[in-house]
Amino acid sequence: MLKTVTFTLMHFCIAFGVTYALTGSIAASGLVAAIEPLCNSVGFYYHEKIWQRIEGRSAPAEERATHAWLHHQA
């Protein structure tokens, strides 16, 4: 959990710093730093779903999990 918290903090700081460097606005930087990680998380969720389908098609039928979570538990 600590790794997740520190990664999130790093992500927030990078988003804030880049936006501040480009705009010079603390308000815009704070807004982007708050919203961008949320959008990135949603995008990552769908990215993983797509890759699970792609990887599932390449596996033989007997090796395919019926649900993505089952595949990771094996």
PDB file of N, CA and C in Angstrom:
ATOM      1  N   MET A   1       0.821  -1.191   0.000  1.00  0.00           N
ATOM      2  CA  MET A   1       0.000   0.000   0.000  1.00  0.00           C
ATOM      3  C   MET A   1       0.869   1.260   0.000  1.00  0.00           C
ATOM      4  N   LEU A   2       1.973   1.215   0.701  1.00  0.00           N
ATOM      5  CA  LEU A   2       2.862   2.381   0.756  1.00  0.00           C
ATOM      6  C   LEU A   2       3.397   2.716  -0.639  1.00  0.00           C
ATOM      7  N   LYS A   3       3.709   1.693  -1.420  1.00  0.00           N
ATOM      8  CA  LYS A   3       4.201   1.917  -2.782  1.00  0.00           C
ATOM      9  C   LYS A   3       3.144   2.632  -3.618  1.00  0.00           C
ATOM     10  N   THR A   4       1.884   2.244  -3.468  1.00  0.00           N
ATOM     11  CA  THR A   4       0.786   2.882  -4.209  1.00  0.00           C
ATOM     12  C   THR A   4       0.648   4.344  -3.805  1.00  0.00           C
ATOM     13  N   VAL A   5       0.728   4.620  -2.514  1.00  0.00           N
ATOM     14  CA  VAL A   5       0.599   5.993  -2.021  1.00  0.00           C
ATOM     15  C   VAL A   5       1.748   6.858  -2.539  1.00  0.00           C
ATOM     16  N   THR A   6       2.971   6.342  -2.476  1.00  0.00           N
ATOM     17  CA  THR A   6       4.104   7.139  -2.940  1.00  0.00           C
ATOM     18  C   THR A   6       4.067   7.341  -4.455  1.00  0.00           C
ATOM     19  N   PHE A   7       3.607   6.329  -5.208  1.00  0.00           N
ATOM     20  CA  PHE A   7       3.475   6.484  -6.653  1.00  0.00           C
ATOM     21  C   PHE A   7       2.419   7.538  -6.981  1.00  0.00           C
ATOM     22  N   THR A   8       1.308   7.511  -6.256  1.00  0.00           N
ATOM     23  CA  THR A   8       0.243   8.494  -6.478  1.00  0.00           C
ATOM     24  C   THR A   8       0.743   9.901  -6.172  1.00  0.00           C
ATOM     25  N   LEU A   9       1.472  10.060  -5.094  1.00  0.00           N
ATOM     26  CA  LEU A   9       2.032  11.359  -4.730  1.00  0.00           C
ATOM     27  C   LEU A   9       3.013  11.841  -5.795  1.00  0.00           C
ATOM     28  N   MET A  10       3.859  10.942  -6.287  1.00  0.00           N
ATOM     29  CA  MET A  10       4.795  11.299  -7.337  1.00  0.00           C
ATOM     30  C   MET A  10       4.049  11.731  -8.601  1.00  0.00           C
ATOM     31  N   HIS A  11       3.015  10.981  -8.970  1.00  0.00           N
ATOM     32  CA  HIS A  11       2.212  11.292 -10.151  1.00  0.00           C
ATOM     33  C   HIS A  11       1.581  12.676 -10.012  1.00  0.00           C
ATOM     34  N   PHE A  12       1.027  12.957  -8.843  1.00  0.00           N
ATOM     35  CA  PHE A  12       0.412  14.261  -8.569  1.00  0.00           C
ATOM     36  C   PHE A  12       1.448  15.375  -8.728  1.00  0.00           C
ATOM     37  N   CYS A  13       2.630  15.193  -8.148  1.00  0.00           N
ATOM     38  CA  CYS A  13       3.681  16.222  -8.208  1.00  0.00           C
ATOM     39  C   CYS A  13       4.164  16.458  -9.631  1.00  0.00           C
ATOM     40  N   ILE A  14       4.319  15.400 -10.401  1.00  0.00           N
ATOM     41  CA  ILE A  14       4.754  15.550 -11.791  1.00  0.00           C
ATOM     42  C   ILE A  14       3.697  16.294 -12.599  1.00  0.00           C
ATOM     43  N   ALA A  15       2.432  15.898 -12.454  1.00  0.00           N
ATOM     44  CA  ALA A  15       1.353  16.567 -13.181  1.00  0.00           C
ATOM     45  C   ALA A  15       1.289  18.050 -12.792  1.00  0.00           C
ATOM     46  N   PHE A  16       1.420  18.335 -11.509  1.00  0.00           N
ATOM     47  CA  PHE A  16       1.396  19.717 -11.045  1.00  0.00           C
ATOM     48  C   PHE A  16       2.582  20.492 -11.620  1.00  0.00           C
ATOM     49  N   GLY A  17       3.778  19.922 -11.522  1.00  0.00           N
ATOM     50  CA  GLY A  17       4.979  20.609 -11.987  1.00  0.00           C
ATOM     51  C   GLY A  17       4.978  20.895 -13.479  1.00  0.00           C
ATOM     52  N   VAL A  18       4.585  19.904 -14.273  1.00  0.00           N
ATOM     53  CA  VAL A  18       4.547  20.092 -15.728  1.00  0.00           C
ATOM     54  C   VAL A  18       3.519  21.155 -16.096  1.00  0.00           C
ATOM     55  N   THR A  19       2.341  21.075 -15.499  1.00  0.00           N
ATOM     56  CA  THR A  19       1.301  22.052 -15.822  1.00  0.00           C
ATOM     57  C   THR A  19       1.703  23.449 -15.376  1.00  0.00           C
ATOM     58  N   TYR A  20       2.333  23.552 -14.215  1.00  0.00           N
ATOM     59  CA  TYR A  20       2.783  24.866 -13.743  1.00  0.00           C
ATOM     60  C   TYR A  20       3.865  25.434 -14.664  1.00  0.00           C
ATOM     61  N   ALA A  21       4.779  24.573 -15.115  1.00  0.00           N
ATOM     62  CA  ALA A  21       5.829  25.026 -16.024  1.00  0.00           C
ATOM     63  C   ALA A  21       5.247  25.526 -17.345  1.00  0.00           C
ATOM     64  N   LEU A  22       4.176  24.904 -17.795  1.00  0.00           N
ATOM     65  CA  LEU A  22       3.565  25.297 -19.066  1.00  0.00           C
ATOM     66  C   LEU A  22       2.647  26.502 -18.952  1.00  0.00           C
ATOM     67  N   THR A  23       1.962  26.637 -17.795  1.00  0.00           N
ATOM     68  CA  THR A  23       0.949  27.686 -17.668  1.00  0.00           C
ATOM     69  C   THR A  23       1.313  28.788 -16.683  1.00  0.00           C
ATOM     70  N   GLY A  24       2.100  28.475 -15.680  1.00  0.00           N
ATOM     71  CA  GLY A  24       2.395  29.444 -14.637  1.00  0.00           C
ATOM     72  C   GLY A  24       1.227  29.657 -13.687  1.00  0.00           C
ATOM     73  N   SER A  25       0.206  28.818 -13.794  1.00  0.00           N
ATOM     74  CA  SER A  25      -0.994  28.969 -12.977  1.00  0.00           C
ATOM     75  C   SER A  25      -1.071  27.870 -11.919  1.00  0.00           C
ATOM     76  N   ILE A  26      -1.129  28.298 -10.654  1.00  0.00           N
ATOM     77  CA  ILE A  26      -1.286  27.336  -9.565  1.00  0.00           C
ATOM     78  C   ILE A  26      -2.668  26.676  -9.630  1.00  0.00           C
ATOM     79  N   ALA A  27      -3.697  27.462  -9.969  1.00  0.00           N
ATOM     80  CA  ALA A  27      -5.060  26.917 -10.044  1.00  0.00           C
ATOM     81  C   ALA A  27      -5.160  25.841 -11.132  1.00  0.00           C
ATOM     82  N   ALA A  28      -4.647  26.146 -12.316  1.00  0.00           N
ATOM     83  CA  ALA A  28      -4.696  25.166 -13.413  1.00  0.00           C
ATOM     84  C   ALA A  28      -3.859  23.937 -13.057  1.00  0.00           C
ATOM     85  N   SER A  29      -2.711  24.152 -12.446  1.00  0.00           N
ATOM     86  CA  SER A  29      -1.841  23.036 -12.067  1.00  0.00           C
ATOM     87  C   SER A  29      -2.516  22.121 -11.063  1.00  0.00           C
ATOM     88  N   GLY A  30      -3.160  22.702 -10.066  1.00  0.00           N
ATOM     89  CA  GLY A  30      -3.878  21.905  -9.070  1.00  0.00           C
ATOM     90  C   GLY A  30      -5.023  21.131  -9.685  1.00  0.00           C
ATOM     91  N   LEU A  31      -5.739  21.765 -10.595  1.00  0.00           N
ATOM     92  CA  LEU A  31      -6.867  21.097 -11.252  1.00  0.00           C
ATOM     93  C   LEU A  31      -6.385  19.927 -12.107  1.00  0.00           C
ATOM     94  N   VAL A  32      -5.361  20.154 -12.900  1.00  0.00           N
ATOM     95  CA  VAL A  32      -4.828  19.078 -13.741  1.00  0.00           C
ATOM     96  C   VAL A  32      -4.264  17.954 -12.873  1.00  0.00           C
ATOM     97  N   ALA A  33      -3.542  18.317 -11.817  1.00  0.00           N
ATOM     98  CA  ALA A  33      -2.948  17.304 -10.942  1.00  0.00           C
ATOM     99  C   ALA A  33      -4.002  16.470 -10.236  1.00  0.00           C
ATOM    100  N   ALA A  34      -5.166  17.054  -9.986  1.00  0.00           N
ATOM    101  CA  ALA A  34      -6.250  16.312  -9.339  1.00  0.00           C
ATOM    102  C   ALA A  34      -7.027  15.448 -10.329  1.00  0.00           C
ATOM    103  N   ILE A  35      -7.225  15.936 -11.536  1.00  0.00           N
ATOM    104  CA  ILE A  35      -8.082  15.250 -12.514  1.00  0.00           C
ATOM    105  C   ILE A  35      -7.310  14.223 -13.350  1.00  0.00           C
ATOM    106  N   GLU A  36      -6.093  14.539 -13.750  1.00  0.00           N
ATOM    107  CA  GLU A  36      -5.338  13.671 -14.654  1.00  0.00           C
ATOM    108  C   GLU A  36      -5.125  12.268 -14.101  1.00  0.00           C
ATOM    109  N   PRO A  37      -4.733  12.088 -12.837  1.00  0.00           N
ATOM    110  CA  PRO A  37      -4.578  10.712 -12.341  1.00  0.00           C
ATOM    111  C   PRO A  37      -5.891   9.921 -12.362  1.00  0.00           C
ATOM    112  N   LEU A  38      -6.999  10.589 -12.117  1.00  0.00           N
ATOM    113  CA  LEU A  38      -8.298   9.912 -12.182  1.00  0.00           C
ATOM    114  C   LEU A  38      -8.586   9.438 -13.608  1.00  0.00           C
ATOM    115  N   CYS A  39      -8.386  10.322 -14.573  1.00  0.00           N
ATOM    116  CA  CYS A  39      -8.596   9.950 -15.977  1.00  0.00           C
ATOM    117  C   CYS A  39      -7.644   8.834 -16.396  1.00  0.00           C
ATOM    118  N   ASN A  40      -6.415   8.908 -15.937  1.00  0.00           N
ATOM    119  CA  ASN A  40      -5.420   7.889 -16.253  1.00  0.00           C
ATOM    120  C   ASN A  40      -5.832   6.529 -15.676  1.00  0.00           C
ATOM    121  N   SER A  41      -6.388   6.526 -14.475  1.00  0.00           N
ATOM    122  CA  SER A  41      -6.837   5.277 -13.853  1.00  0.00           C
ATOM    123  C   SER A  41      -7.973   4.636 -14.642  1.00  0.00           C
ATOM    124  N   VAL A  42      -8.907   5.447 -15.098  1.00  0.00           N
ATOM    125  CA  VAL A  42     -10.018   4.922 -15.902  1.00  0.00           C
ATOM    126  C   VAL A  42      -9.485   4.372 -17.225  1.00  0.00           C
ATOM    127  N   GLY A  43      -8.590   5.121 -17.850  1.00  0.00           N
ATOM    128  CA  GLY A  43      -7.982   4.653 -19.099  1.00  0.00           C
ATOM    129  C   GLY A  43      -7.223   3.355 -18.911  1.00  0.00           C
ATOM    130  N   PHE A  44      -6.494   3.240 -17.805  1.00  0.00           N
ATOM    131  CA  PHE A  44      -5.737   2.021 -17.519  1.00  0.00           C
ATOM    132  C   PHE A  44      -6.668   0.821 -17.343  1.00  0.00           C
ATOM    133  N   TYR A  45      -7.806   1.027 -16.693  1.00  0.00           N
ATOM    134  CA  TYR A  45      -8.779  -0.050 -16.499  1.00  0.00           C
ATOM    135  C   TYR A  45      -9.207  -0.624 -17.857  1.00  0.00           C
ATOM    136  N   TYR A  46      -9.585   0.256 -18.783  1.00  0.00           N
ATOM    137  CA  TYR A  46     -10.032  -0.217 -20.092  1.00  0.00           C
ATOM    138  C   TYR A  46      -8.875  -0.793 -20.909  1.00  0.00           C
ATOM    139  N   HIS A  47      -7.694  -0.240 -20.756  1.00  0.00           N
ATOM    140  CA  HIS A  47      -6.510  -0.780 -21.414  1.00  0.00           C
ATOM    141  C   HIS A  47      -6.274  -2.228 -20.984  1.00  0.00           C
ATOM    142  N   GLU A  48      -6.382  -2.488 -19.688  1.00  0.00           N
ATOM    143  CA  GLU A  48      -6.206  -3.852 -19.172  1.00  0.00           C
ATOM    144  C   GLU A  48      -7.281  -4.798 -19.700  1.00  0.00           C
ATOM    145  N   LYS A  49      -8.534  -4.326 -19.763  1.00  0.00           N
ATOM    146  CA  LYS A  49      -9.623  -5.158 -20.276  1.00  0.00           C
ATOM    147  C   LYS A  49      -9.349  -5.560 -21.735  1.00  0.00           C
ATOM    148  N   ILE A  50      -8.893  -4.613 -22.527  1.00  0.00           N
ATOM    149  CA  ILE A  50      -8.595  -4.892 -23.932  1.00  0.00           C
ATOM    150  C   ILE A  50      -7.452  -5.907 -24.036  1.00  0.00           C
ATOM    151  N   TRP A  51      -6.406  -5.725 -23.247  1.00  0.00           N
ATOM    152  CA  TRP A  51      -5.276  -6.648 -23.298  1.00  0.00           C
ATOM    153  C   TRP A  51      -5.647  -8.038 -22.808  1.00  0.00           C
ATOM    154  N   GLN A  52      -6.535  -8.124 -21.842  1.00  0.00           N
ATOM    155  CA  GLN A  52      -6.999  -9.438 -21.383  1.00  0.00           C
ATOM    156  C   GLN A  52      -7.704 -10.179 -22.509  1.00  0.00           C
ATOM    157  N   ARG A  53      -8.484  -9.458 -23.297  1.00  0.00           N
ATOM    158  CA  ARG A  53      -9.163 -10.090 -24.441  1.00  0.00           C
ATOM    159  C   ARG A  53      -8.155 -10.536 -25.497  1.00  0.00           C
ATOM    160  N   ILE A  54      -7.179  -9.670 -25.772  1.00  0.00           N
ATOM    161  CA  ILE A  54      -6.157 -10.012 -26.774  1.00  0.00           C
ATOM    162  C   ILE A  54      -5.363 -11.231 -26.320  1.00  0.00           C
ATOM    163  N   GLU A  55      -4.930 -11.244 -25.075  1.00  0.00           N
ATOM    164  CA  GLU A  55      -4.156 -12.373 -24.562  1.00  0.00           C
ATOM    165  C   GLU A  55      -5.004 -13.632 -24.469  1.00  0.00           C
ATOM    166  N   GLY A  56      -6.286 -13.492 -24.174  1.00  0.00           N
ATOM    167  CA  GLY A  56      -7.183 -14.640 -24.085  1.00  0.00           C
ATOM    168  C   GLY A  56      -7.390 -15.304 -25.426  1.00  0.00           C
ATOM    169  N   ARG A  57      -7.388 -14.526 -26.481  1.00  0.00           N
ATOM    170  CA  ARG A  57      -7.570 -15.095 -27.829  1.00  0.00           C
ATOM    171  C   ARG A  57      -6.359 -15.897 -28.278  1.00  0.00           C
ATOM    172  N   SER A  58      -5.192 -15.522 -27.764  1.00  0.00           N
ATOM    173  CA  SER A  58      -3.986 -16.220 -28.207  1.00  0.00           C
ATOM    174  C   SER A  58      -3.729 -17.500 -27.412  1.00  0.00           C
ATOM    175  N   ALA A  59      -4.411 -17.675 -26.274  1.00  0.00           N
ATOM    176  CA  ALA A  59      -4.226 -18.879 -25.451  1.00  0.00           C
ATOM    177  C   ALA A  59      -5.151 -19.981 -25.951  1.00  0.00           C
ATOM    178  N   PRO A  60      -4.708 -21.235 -25.864  1.00  0.00           N
ATOM    179  CA  PRO A  60      -5.594 -22.346 -26.224  1.00  0.00           C
ATOM    180  C   PRO A  60      -6.851 -22.323 -25.345  1.00  0.00           C
ATOM    181  N   ALA A  61      -7.954 -22.817 -25.868  1.00  0.00           N
ATOM    182  CA  ALA A  61      -9.245 -22.747 -25.174  1.00  0.00           C
ATOM    183  C   ALA A  61      -9.196 -23.343 -23.772  1.00  0.00           C
ATOM    184  N   GLU A  62      -8.481 -24.456 -23.579  1.00  0.00           N
ATOM    185  CA  GLU A  62      -8.454 -25.088 -22.259  1.00  0.00           C
ATOM    186  C   GLU A  62      -7.672 -24.263 -21.232  1.00  0.00           C
ATOM    187  N   GLU A  63      -6.818 -23.343 -21.702  1.00  0.00           N
ATOM    188  CA  GLU A  63      -6.046 -22.508 -20.783  1.00  0.00           C
ATOM    189  C   GLU A  63      -6.717 -21.184 -20.473  1.00  0.00           C
ATOM    190  N   ARG A  64      -7.769 -20.831 -21.198  1.00  0.00           N
ATOM    191  CA  ARG A  64      -8.439 -19.545 -20.990  1.00  0.00           C
ATOM    192  C   ARG A  64      -9.250 -19.558 -19.707  1.00  0.00           C
ATOM    193  N   ALA A  65      -9.079 -18.514 -18.919  1.00  0.00           N
ATOM    194  CA  ALA A  65      -9.882 -18.359 -17.699  1.00  0.00           C
ATOM    195  C   ALA A  65     -11.263 -17.847 -18.089  1.00  0.00           C
ATOM    196  N   THR A  66     -12.272 -18.240 -17.314  1.00  0.00           N
ATOM    197  CA  THR A  66     -13.613 -17.750 -17.591  1.00  0.00           C
ATOM    198  C   THR A  66     -13.781 -16.321 -17.107  1.00  0.00           C
ATOM    199  N   HIS A  67     -12.936 -15.887 -16.204  1.00  0.00           N
ATOM    200  CA  HIS A  67     -12.964 -14.522 -15.698  1.00  0.00           C
ATOM    201  C   HIS A  67     -11.521 -14.092 -15.482  1.00  0.00           C
ATOM    202  N   ALA A  68     -11.238 -12.819 -15.701  1.00  0.00           N
ATOM    203  CA  ALA A  68      -9.868 -12.313 -15.594  1.00  0.00           C
ATOM    204  C   ALA A  68      -9.241 -12.591 -14.246  1.00  0.00           C
ATOM    205  N   TRP A  69     -10.028 -12.524 -13.154  1.00  0.00           N
ATOM    206  CA  TRP A  69      -9.462 -12.739 -11.821  1.00  0.00           C
ATOM    207  C   TRP A  69      -9.031 -14.194 -11.624  1.00  0.00           C
ATOM    208  N   LEU A  70      -9.713 -15.109 -12.262  1.00  0.00           N
ATOM    209  CA  LEU A  70      -9.357 -16.517 -12.129  1.00  0.00           C
ATOM    210  C   LEU A  70      -7.992 -16.795 -12.741  1.00  0.00           C
ATOM    211  N   HIS A  71      -7.695 -16.083 -13.818  1.00  0.00           N
ATOM    212  CA  HIS A  71      -6.424 -16.270 -14.492  1.00  0.00           C
ATOM    213  C   HIS A  71      -5.257 -15.883 -13.585  1.00  0.00           C
ATOM    214  N   HIS A  72      -5.415 -14.837 -12.788  1.00  0.00           N
ATOM    215  CA  HIS A  72      -4.339 -14.357 -11.924  1.00  0.00           C
ATOM    216  C   HIS A  72      -4.198 -15.182 -10.651  1.00  0.00           C
ATOM    217  N   GLN A  73      -5.208 -15.964 -10.268  1.00  0.00           N
ATOM    218  CA  GLN A  73      -5.149 -16.751  -9.059  1.00  0.00           C
ATOM    219  C   GLN A  73      -4.459 -18.079  -9.267  1.00  0.00           C
ATOM    220  N   ALA A  74      -4.365 -18.510 -10.497  1.00  0.00           N
ATOM    221  CA  ALA A  74      -3.773 -19.824 -10.787  1.00  0.00           C
ATOM    222  C   ALA A  74      -2.290 -19.860 -10.545  1.00  0.00           C
TER     223      ALA A  74
END
